[in-house]
Amino acid sequence: MEEINAYHEAGHALLAILVGARVRHVTIEPDKDDGPDRFAEIQVEWPLDLFTGKEIRKKMVLVALAGPVAEMIHTGEPYHPGFQEEWAGDWQAAWEAAETIVPAPQKRVTYLERTTRSIYELLDDDRHWAALAAIVDDLLAHETLEGDHVEEIVRTWL
């Protein structure tokens, strides 16, 4: 389970960096606080002064769906992210971020499905997958990575 979580979080982290966000940290051992149970966690900062609201929402969709896509590629199973219980939070985050971009629900589903396919193609590229796998290796070795370290990994591979 830890390996799957590492691929999932690495997907979020890689896409966040690729779209211009800053990763504060990513972990596969989150604090057991009074919040909801979770197996992993990522904190992303958005440079609000660099992007319009619409641009940030589009980028948030990409980052939200990147975790499930990384899992799909890793396991070889092409699931629909909206139908997997363990990805409900990611789908909901993407759904809400896309709401003002594509207000009509059926068109929004199509938009999210199309976006999922484009992320799949992006992450399935050898260079991007190598960067993602390097993040996974460090996550499995250290359980928590600071954002600067994740950015260094991505710079090394890309």
N, C-alpha and C. Protein backbone atom coordinates (compact mmCIF):
# COMPACT_ATOMS: atom_id res chain seq x y z
N MET A 1 0.82 -1.19 0.00
CA MET A 1 0.00 0.00 0.00
C MET A 1 0.87 1.26 0.00
N GLU A 2 1.97 1.20 0.73
CA GLU A 2 2.85 2.36 0.82
C GLU A 2 3.40 2.74 -0.56
N GLU A 3 3.72 1.73 -1.38
CA GLU A 3 4.25 2.00 -2.72
C GLU A 3 3.19 2.68 -3.59
N ILE A 4 1.97 2.21 -3.54
CA ILE A 4 0.88 2.82 -4.32
C ILE A 4 0.69 4.27 -3.88
N ASN A 5 0.70 4.50 -2.56
CA ASN A 5 0.55 5.86 -2.06
C ASN A 5 1.69 6.76 -2.54
N ALA A 6 2.89 6.20 -2.60
CA ALA A 6 4.04 6.98 -3.07
C ALA A 6 3.87 7.37 -4.54
N TYR A 7 3.40 6.45 -5.37
CA TYR A 7 3.15 6.79 -6.78
C TYR A 7 2.07 7.85 -6.89
N HIS A 8 1.02 7.70 -6.10
CA HIS A 8 -0.09 8.64 -6.13
C HIS A 8 0.40 10.06 -5.77
N GLU A 9 1.08 10.18 -4.65
CA GLU A 9 1.55 11.50 -4.21
C GLU A 9 2.62 12.06 -5.14
N ALA A 10 3.46 11.19 -5.67
CA ALA A 10 4.48 11.65 -6.62
C ALA A 10 3.82 12.22 -7.88
N GLY A 11 2.71 11.63 -8.30
CA GLY A 11 1.97 12.17 -9.44
C GLY A 11 1.49 13.58 -9.17
N HIS A 12 0.89 13.79 -7.99
CA HIS A 12 0.46 15.14 -7.61
C HIS A 12 1.66 16.10 -7.60
N ALA A 13 2.75 15.67 -6.96
CA ALA A 13 3.92 16.54 -6.79
C ALA A 13 4.54 16.92 -8.13
N LEU A 14 4.72 15.95 -9.01
CA LEU A 14 5.33 16.23 -10.30
C LEU A 14 4.48 17.21 -11.09
N LEU A 15 3.18 16.96 -11.16
CA LEU A 15 2.31 17.88 -11.93
C LEU A 15 2.29 19.26 -11.32
N ALA A 16 2.27 19.34 -9.99
CA ALA A 16 2.28 20.65 -9.34
C ALA A 16 3.50 21.46 -9.78
N ILE A 17 4.64 20.82 -9.80
CA ILE A 17 5.87 21.52 -10.21
C ILE A 17 5.81 21.86 -11.70
N LEU A 18 5.33 20.94 -12.51
CA LEU A 18 5.27 21.20 -13.96
C LEU A 18 4.35 22.36 -14.31
N VAL A 19 3.29 22.57 -13.53
CA VAL A 19 2.36 23.66 -13.85
C VAL A 19 2.69 24.96 -13.14
N GLY A 20 3.79 24.98 -12.38
CA GLY A 20 4.24 26.23 -11.78
C GLY A 20 3.84 26.46 -10.34
N ALA A 21 3.35 25.43 -9.66
CA ALA A 21 3.04 25.55 -8.24
C ALA A 21 4.28 25.18 -7.44
N ARG A 22 4.22 25.41 -6.16
CA ARG A 22 5.33 25.05 -5.26
C ARG A 22 4.84 23.96 -4.31
N VAL A 23 5.58 22.89 -4.23
CA VAL A 23 5.29 21.83 -3.28
C VAL A 23 5.95 22.21 -1.96
N ARG A 24 5.16 22.29 -0.91
CA ARG A 24 5.72 22.56 0.43
C ARG A 24 6.31 21.30 1.01
N HIS A 25 5.54 20.22 0.97
CA HIS A 25 6.04 18.91 1.38
C HIS A 25 5.10 17.84 0.85
N VAL A 26 5.61 16.62 0.82
CA VAL A 26 4.82 15.46 0.43
C VAL A 26 5.24 14.32 1.35
N THR A 27 4.25 13.55 1.80
CA THR A 27 4.55 12.47 2.75
C THR A 27 3.65 11.27 2.52
N ILE A 28 4.18 10.10 2.84
CA ILE A 28 3.37 8.89 2.85
C ILE A 28 3.13 8.44 4.29
N GLU A 29 3.50 9.29 5.24
CA GLU A 29 3.27 9.05 6.67
C GLU A 29 2.72 10.33 7.30
N PRO A 30 1.47 10.70 6.98
CA PRO A 30 0.93 11.94 7.53
C PRO A 30 0.65 11.84 9.03
N ASP A 31 0.61 13.00 9.68
CA ASP A 31 0.29 13.04 11.11
C ASP A 31 -1.08 12.42 11.35
N LYS A 32 -1.20 11.73 12.42
CA LYS A 32 -2.49 11.16 12.84
C LYS A 32 -3.13 12.17 13.80
N ASP A 33 -3.66 13.23 13.24
CA ASP A 33 -4.28 14.28 14.05
C ASP A 33 -5.79 14.07 14.13
N ASP A 34 -6.50 15.08 14.49
CA ASP A 34 -7.96 14.96 14.63
C ASP A 34 -8.70 15.06 13.31
N GLY A 35 -7.97 15.23 12.20
CA GLY A 35 -8.60 15.35 10.89
C GLY A 35 -9.00 13.99 10.35
N PRO A 36 -9.44 13.97 9.10
CA PRO A 36 -9.84 12.69 8.50
C PRO A 36 -8.64 11.76 8.31
N ASP A 37 -8.92 10.46 8.38
CA ASP A 37 -7.86 9.47 8.13
C ASP A 37 -7.34 9.64 6.71
N ARG A 38 -6.04 9.59 6.56
CA ARG A 38 -5.44 9.67 5.24
C ARG A 38 -4.14 8.87 5.26
N PHE A 39 -3.78 8.38 4.09
CA PHE A 39 -2.60 7.53 3.98
C PHE A 39 -1.39 8.30 3.48
N ALA A 40 -1.62 9.48 2.94
CA ALA A 40 -0.55 10.29 2.41
C ALA A 40 -1.05 11.73 2.34
N GLU A 41 -0.12 12.64 2.04
CA GLU A 41 -0.51 14.05 2.03
C GLU A 41 0.49 14.85 1.21
N ILE A 42 -0.03 15.87 0.54
CA ILE A 42 0.82 16.82 -0.15
C ILE A 42 0.28 18.22 0.14
N GLN A 43 1.18 19.15 0.32
CA GLN A 43 0.78 20.55 0.46
C GLN A 43 1.38 21.32 -0.70
N VAL A 44 0.50 22.03 -1.42
CA VAL A 44 0.90 22.78 -2.62
C VAL A 44 0.55 24.25 -2.41
N GLU A 45 1.45 25.12 -2.80
CA GLU A 45 1.20 26.57 -2.76
C GLU A 45 1.05 27.06 -4.19
N TRP A 46 0.06 27.91 -4.39
CA TRP A 46 -0.20 28.48 -5.72
C TRP A 46 0.23 29.93 -5.75
N PRO A 47 1.08 30.30 -6.69
CA PRO A 47 1.51 31.70 -6.81
C PRO A 47 0.39 32.56 -7.41
N LEU A 48 -0.44 33.08 -6.54
CA LEU A 48 -1.64 33.81 -6.98
C LEU A 48 -1.32 35.03 -7.83
N ASP A 49 -0.13 35.57 -7.69
CA ASP A 49 0.25 36.75 -8.47
C ASP A 49 0.71 36.41 -9.88
N LEU A 50 0.93 35.14 -10.18
CA LEU A 50 1.43 34.73 -11.50
C LEU A 50 0.34 34.24 -12.44
N PHE A 51 -0.78 33.81 -11.89
CA PHE A 51 -1.82 33.20 -12.72
C PHE A 51 -3.17 33.85 -12.45
N THR A 52 -4.02 33.84 -13.46
CA THR A 52 -5.40 34.28 -13.26
C THR A 52 -6.14 33.19 -12.48
N GLY A 53 -7.30 33.53 -11.95
CA GLY A 53 -8.10 32.55 -11.24
C GLY A 53 -8.44 31.34 -12.10
N LYS A 54 -8.77 31.60 -13.37
CA LYS A 54 -9.11 30.51 -14.28
C LYS A 54 -7.90 29.61 -14.52
N GLU A 55 -6.72 30.21 -14.69
CA GLU A 55 -5.51 29.41 -14.91
C GLU A 55 -5.21 28.53 -13.70
N ILE A 56 -5.35 29.10 -12.52
CA ILE A 56 -5.10 28.31 -11.30
C ILE A 56 -6.08 27.15 -11.21
N ARG A 57 -7.35 27.40 -11.49
CA ARG A 57 -8.34 26.32 -11.42
C ARG A 57 -8.01 25.21 -12.41
N LYS A 58 -7.59 25.57 -13.63
CA LYS A 58 -7.20 24.54 -14.61
C LYS A 58 -6.02 23.73 -14.10
N LYS A 59 -5.06 24.42 -13.50
CA LYS A 59 -3.87 23.74 -12.98
C LYS A 59 -4.23 22.87 -11.77
N MET A 60 -5.18 23.33 -10.96
CA MET A 60 -5.64 22.53 -9.82
C MET A 60 -6.28 21.23 -10.29
N VAL A 61 -7.01 21.29 -11.39
CA VAL A 61 -7.60 20.08 -11.97
C VAL A 61 -6.50 19.11 -12.35
N LEU A 62 -5.48 19.60 -13.03
CA LEU A 62 -4.38 18.75 -13.44
C LEU A 62 -3.70 18.08 -12.25
N VAL A 63 -3.41 18.86 -11.22
CA VAL A 63 -2.73 18.32 -10.04
C VAL A 63 -3.62 17.31 -9.32
N ALA A 64 -4.90 17.61 -9.20
CA ALA A 64 -5.82 16.69 -8.50
C ALA A 64 -5.90 15.33 -9.20
N LEU A 65 -5.94 15.34 -10.52
CA LEU A 65 -6.09 14.09 -11.26
C LEU A 65 -4.78 13.34 -11.48
N ALA A 66 -3.65 14.00 -11.26
CA ALA A 66 -2.35 13.38 -11.52
C ALA A 66 -2.05 12.22 -10.58
N GLY A 67 -2.53 12.27 -9.34
CA GLY A 67 -2.31 11.16 -8.43
C GLY A 67 -2.97 9.88 -8.92
N PRO A 68 -4.27 9.92 -9.23
CA PRO A 68 -4.91 8.72 -9.78
C PRO A 68 -4.27 8.24 -11.07
N VAL A 69 -3.87 9.15 -11.94
CA VAL A 69 -3.26 8.74 -13.21
C VAL A 69 -1.93 8.03 -12.95
N ALA A 70 -1.14 8.54 -12.02
CA ALA A 70 0.13 7.88 -11.70
C ALA A 70 -0.11 6.46 -11.21
N GLU A 71 -1.15 6.28 -10.40
CA GLU A 71 -1.50 4.93 -9.94
C GLU A 71 -1.91 4.05 -11.11
N MET A 72 -2.71 4.60 -12.03
CA MET A 72 -3.16 3.83 -13.19
C MET A 72 -1.97 3.32 -14.00
N ILE A 73 -1.03 4.21 -14.25
CA ILE A 73 0.14 3.82 -15.04
C ILE A 73 0.96 2.77 -14.30
N HIS A 74 1.16 3.00 -13.01
CA HIS A 74 1.96 2.07 -12.21
C HIS A 74 1.35 0.67 -12.16
N THR A 75 0.03 0.61 -11.97
CA THR A 75 -0.62 -0.71 -11.85
C THR A 75 -1.00 -1.31 -13.20
N GLY A 76 -1.00 -0.49 -14.25
CA GLY A 76 -1.41 -0.98 -15.56
C GLY A 76 -2.90 -1.11 -15.71
N GLU A 77 -3.65 -0.56 -14.78
CA GLU A 77 -5.12 -0.65 -14.81
C GLU A 77 -5.71 0.72 -15.12
N PRO A 78 -6.32 0.89 -16.29
CA PRO A 78 -6.90 2.20 -16.66
C PRO A 78 -8.32 2.39 -16.12
N TYR A 79 -8.41 2.82 -14.87
CA TYR A 79 -9.71 3.06 -14.25
C TYR A 79 -10.20 4.47 -14.56
N HIS A 80 -11.48 4.68 -14.35
CA HIS A 80 -12.04 6.03 -14.42
C HIS A 80 -11.89 6.64 -13.03
N PRO A 81 -11.20 7.78 -12.90
CA PRO A 81 -10.96 8.32 -11.56
C PRO A 81 -12.23 8.72 -10.81
N GLY A 82 -13.32 8.93 -11.52
CA GLY A 82 -14.56 9.28 -10.86
C GLY A 82 -15.30 8.09 -10.26
N PHE A 83 -14.86 6.87 -10.59
CA PHE A 83 -15.56 5.67 -10.13
C PHE A 83 -14.76 4.86 -9.12
N GLN A 84 -13.63 5.34 -8.69
CA GLN A 84 -12.80 4.62 -7.72
C GLN A 84 -12.95 5.29 -6.36
N GLU A 85 -13.41 4.54 -5.40
CA GLU A 85 -13.68 5.10 -4.07
C GLU A 85 -12.45 5.77 -3.47
N GLU A 86 -11.29 5.15 -3.64
CA GLU A 86 -10.08 5.71 -3.03
C GLU A 86 -9.64 7.02 -3.68
N TRP A 87 -10.19 7.34 -4.84
CA TRP A 87 -9.85 8.59 -5.52
C TRP A 87 -10.98 9.62 -5.44
N ALA A 88 -11.96 9.36 -4.62
CA ALA A 88 -13.12 10.25 -4.53
C ALA A 88 -12.71 11.68 -4.17
N GLY A 89 -11.77 11.83 -3.26
CA GLY A 89 -11.31 13.16 -2.88
C GLY A 89 -10.63 13.89 -4.02
N ASP A 90 -9.84 13.16 -4.79
CA ASP A 90 -9.16 13.77 -5.95
C ASP A 90 -10.18 14.19 -7.01
N TRP A 91 -11.14 13.30 -7.28
CA TRP A 91 -12.17 13.61 -8.27
C TRP A 91 -13.00 14.81 -7.81
N GLN A 92 -13.34 14.84 -6.53
CA GLN A 92 -14.12 15.96 -5.99
C GLN A 92 -13.34 17.27 -6.10
N ALA A 93 -12.05 17.23 -5.80
CA ALA A 93 -11.23 18.44 -5.90
C ALA A 93 -11.18 18.93 -7.35
N ALA A 94 -11.01 18.00 -8.29
CA ALA A 94 -10.99 18.36 -9.71
C ALA A 94 -12.35 18.89 -10.14
N TRP A 95 -13.42 18.23 -9.70
CA TRP A 95 -14.78 18.63 -10.03
C TRP A 95 -15.05 20.07 -9.57
N GLU A 96 -14.69 20.36 -8.34
CA GLU A 96 -14.92 21.70 -7.79
C GLU A 96 -14.05 22.76 -8.47
N ALA A 97 -12.80 22.42 -8.75
CA ALA A 97 -11.92 23.37 -9.43
C ALA A 97 -12.42 23.68 -10.84
N ALA A 98 -13.03 22.70 -11.49
CA ALA A 98 -13.51 22.87 -12.86
C ALA A 98 -14.89 23.51 -12.94
N GLU A 99 -15.55 23.69 -11.81
CA GLU A 99 -16.94 24.15 -11.82
C GLU A 99 -17.13 25.49 -12.53
N THR A 100 -16.25 26.45 -12.30
CA THR A 100 -16.42 27.75 -12.97
C THR A 100 -15.89 27.73 -14.40
N ILE A 101 -15.04 26.77 -14.71
CA ILE A 101 -14.50 26.65 -16.07
C ILE A 101 -15.55 26.02 -16.98
N VAL A 102 -16.17 24.95 -16.49
CA VAL A 102 -17.19 24.21 -17.24
C VAL A 102 -18.38 24.00 -16.32
N PRO A 103 -19.31 24.95 -16.29
CA PRO A 103 -20.43 24.88 -15.34
C PRO A 103 -21.40 23.71 -15.56
N ALA A 104 -21.65 23.32 -16.79
CA ALA A 104 -22.61 22.24 -17.06
C ALA A 104 -22.02 20.90 -16.62
N PRO A 105 -22.72 20.18 -15.75
CA PRO A 105 -22.17 18.93 -15.20
C PRO A 105 -21.71 17.90 -16.24
N GLN A 106 -22.51 17.63 -17.27
CA GLN A 106 -22.11 16.61 -18.24
C GLN A 106 -20.87 17.05 -19.03
N LYS A 107 -20.82 18.33 -19.37
CA LYS A 107 -19.63 18.84 -20.08
C LYS A 107 -18.41 18.83 -19.17
N ARG A 108 -18.64 19.03 -17.87
CA ARG A 108 -17.53 19.00 -16.92
C ARG A 108 -16.96 17.59 -16.82
N VAL A 109 -17.83 16.58 -16.82
CA VAL A 109 -17.36 15.19 -16.81
C VAL A 109 -16.48 14.95 -18.03
N THR A 110 -16.94 15.38 -19.19
CA THR A 110 -16.16 15.22 -20.42
C THR A 110 -14.82 15.94 -20.32
N TYR A 111 -14.84 17.15 -19.78
CA TYR A 111 -13.61 17.93 -19.59
C TYR A 111 -12.64 17.18 -18.68
N LEU A 112 -13.13 16.64 -17.58
CA LEU A 112 -12.25 15.93 -16.65
C LEU A 112 -11.73 14.64 -17.25
N GLU A 113 -12.56 13.95 -18.03
CA GLU A 113 -12.10 12.72 -18.69
C GLU A 113 -11.02 13.04 -19.72
N ARG A 114 -11.23 14.09 -20.49
CA ARG A 114 -10.24 14.51 -21.49
C ARG A 114 -8.93 14.92 -20.80
N THR A 115 -9.06 15.63 -19.70
CA THR A 115 -7.88 16.06 -18.94
C THR A 115 -7.14 14.84 -18.39
N THR A 116 -7.87 13.86 -17.89
CA THR A 116 -7.25 12.64 -17.39
C THR A 116 -6.43 11.96 -18.48
N ARG A 117 -6.99 11.87 -19.69
CA ARG A 117 -6.25 11.26 -20.80
C ARG A 117 -4.98 12.04 -21.13
N SER A 118 -5.06 13.36 -21.10
CA SER A 118 -3.87 14.16 -21.43
C SER A 118 -2.79 14.01 -20.35
N ILE A 119 -3.20 13.90 -19.09
CA ILE A 119 -2.23 13.66 -18.01
C ILE A 119 -1.58 12.29 -18.19
N TYR A 120 -2.39 11.31 -18.56
CA TYR A 120 -1.87 9.96 -18.80
C TYR A 120 -0.77 10.00 -19.86
N GLU A 121 -1.03 10.68 -20.95
CA GLU A 121 -0.03 10.79 -22.03
C GLU A 121 1.22 11.51 -21.54
N LEU A 122 1.04 12.55 -20.75
CA LEU A 122 2.18 13.31 -20.23
C LEU A 122 3.03 12.46 -19.29
N LEU A 123 2.39 11.82 -18.32
CA LEU A 123 3.14 11.03 -17.33
C LEU A 123 3.72 9.76 -17.92
N ASP A 124 3.11 9.24 -18.96
CA ASP A 124 3.60 8.01 -19.58
C ASP A 124 4.85 8.25 -20.43
N ASP A 125 5.18 9.50 -20.67
CA ASP A 125 6.42 9.85 -21.37
C ASP A 125 7.61 9.40 -20.51
N ASP A 126 8.63 8.83 -21.13
CA ASP A 126 9.75 8.25 -20.38
C ASP A 126 10.43 9.24 -19.43
N ARG A 127 10.66 10.47 -19.89
CA ARG A 127 11.34 11.45 -19.03
C ARG A 127 10.48 11.82 -17.82
N HIS A 128 9.20 12.04 -18.05
CA HIS A 128 8.32 12.39 -16.94
C HIS A 128 8.17 11.22 -15.98
N TRP A 129 8.06 10.00 -16.52
CA TRP A 129 7.92 8.84 -15.65
C TRP A 129 9.19 8.61 -14.84
N ALA A 130 10.35 8.88 -15.43
CA ALA A 130 11.61 8.74 -14.69
C ALA A 130 11.67 9.73 -13.53
N ALA A 131 11.22 10.96 -13.75
CA ALA A 131 11.19 11.95 -12.68
C ALA A 131 10.22 11.51 -11.58
N LEU A 132 9.06 11.03 -11.98
CA LEU A 132 8.07 10.57 -11.01
C LEU A 132 8.62 9.39 -10.21
N ALA A 133 9.26 8.45 -10.89
CA ALA A 133 9.81 7.28 -10.20
C ALA A 133 10.92 7.68 -9.22
N ALA A 134 11.68 8.70 -9.55
CA ALA A 134 12.72 9.17 -8.64
C ALA A 134 12.09 9.79 -7.38
N ILE A 135 10.99 10.49 -7.54
CA ILE A 135 10.27 11.01 -6.38
C ILE A 135 9.76 9.85 -5.53
N VAL A 136 9.20 8.83 -6.19
CA VAL A 136 8.70 7.64 -5.47
C VAL A 136 9.83 7.00 -4.67
N ASP A 137 10.99 6.79 -5.31
CA ASP A 137 12.11 6.16 -4.61
C ASP A 137 12.48 6.91 -3.33
N ASP A 138 12.56 8.24 -3.43
CA ASP A 138 12.92 9.03 -2.24
C ASP A 138 11.80 9.02 -1.21
N LEU A 139 10.54 9.03 -1.65
CA LEU A 139 9.43 8.95 -0.70
C LEU A 139 9.46 7.62 0.06
N LEU A 140 9.71 6.54 -0.65
CA LEU A 140 9.76 5.24 0.01
C LEU A 140 10.94 5.15 0.97
N ALA A 141 12.04 5.81 0.64
CA ALA A 141 13.23 5.78 1.49
C ALA A 141 13.08 6.68 2.72
N HIS A 142 12.43 7.84 2.55
CA HIS A 142 12.42 8.84 3.63
C HIS A 142 11.02 9.15 4.18
N GLU A 143 9.97 8.72 3.52
CA GLU A 143 8.57 8.90 3.92
C GLU A 143 8.04 10.32 3.78
N THR A 144 8.88 11.32 4.00
CA THR A 144 8.48 12.71 3.85
C THR A 144 9.58 13.46 3.12
N LEU A 145 9.17 14.27 2.13
CA LEU A 145 10.12 15.08 1.38
C LEU A 145 9.69 16.54 1.44
N GLU A 146 10.64 17.41 1.64
CA GLU A 146 10.38 18.84 1.56
C GLU A 146 10.29 19.23 0.10
N GLY A 147 9.56 20.29 -0.17
CA GLY A 147 9.34 20.73 -1.54
C GLY A 147 10.61 21.02 -2.31
N ASP A 148 11.60 21.63 -1.65
CA ASP A 148 12.86 21.94 -2.33
C ASP A 148 13.53 20.68 -2.85
N HIS A 149 13.44 19.61 -2.07
CA HIS A 149 14.03 18.34 -2.49
C HIS A 149 13.28 17.76 -3.70
N VAL A 150 11.97 17.85 -3.67
CA VAL A 150 11.17 17.36 -4.80
C VAL A 150 11.51 18.15 -6.06
N GLU A 151 11.62 19.46 -5.93
CA GLU A 151 11.98 20.29 -7.09
C GLU A 151 13.36 19.93 -7.63
N GLU A 152 14.29 19.63 -6.74
CA GLU A 152 15.64 19.22 -7.16
C GLU A 152 15.59 17.91 -7.95
N ILE A 153 14.79 16.97 -7.49
CA ILE A 153 14.63 15.69 -8.20
C ILE A 153 14.09 15.96 -9.62
N VAL A 154 13.05 16.77 -9.71
CA VAL A 154 12.44 17.05 -11.00
C VAL A 154 13.44 17.75 -11.92
N ARG A 155 14.18 18.72 -11.40
CA ARG A 155 15.20 19.41 -12.22
C ARG A 155 16.25 18.43 -12.75
N THR A 156 16.61 17.46 -11.93
CA THR A 156 17.62 16.47 -12.34
C THR A 156 17.14 15.68 -13.56
N TRP A 157 15.87 15.31 -13.56
CA TRP A 157 15.35 14.46 -14.63
C TRP A 157 14.80 15.24 -15.82
N LEU A 158 14.34 16.47 -15.57
CA LEU A 158 13.75 17.23 -16.66
C LEU A 158 14.56 18.47 -16.94
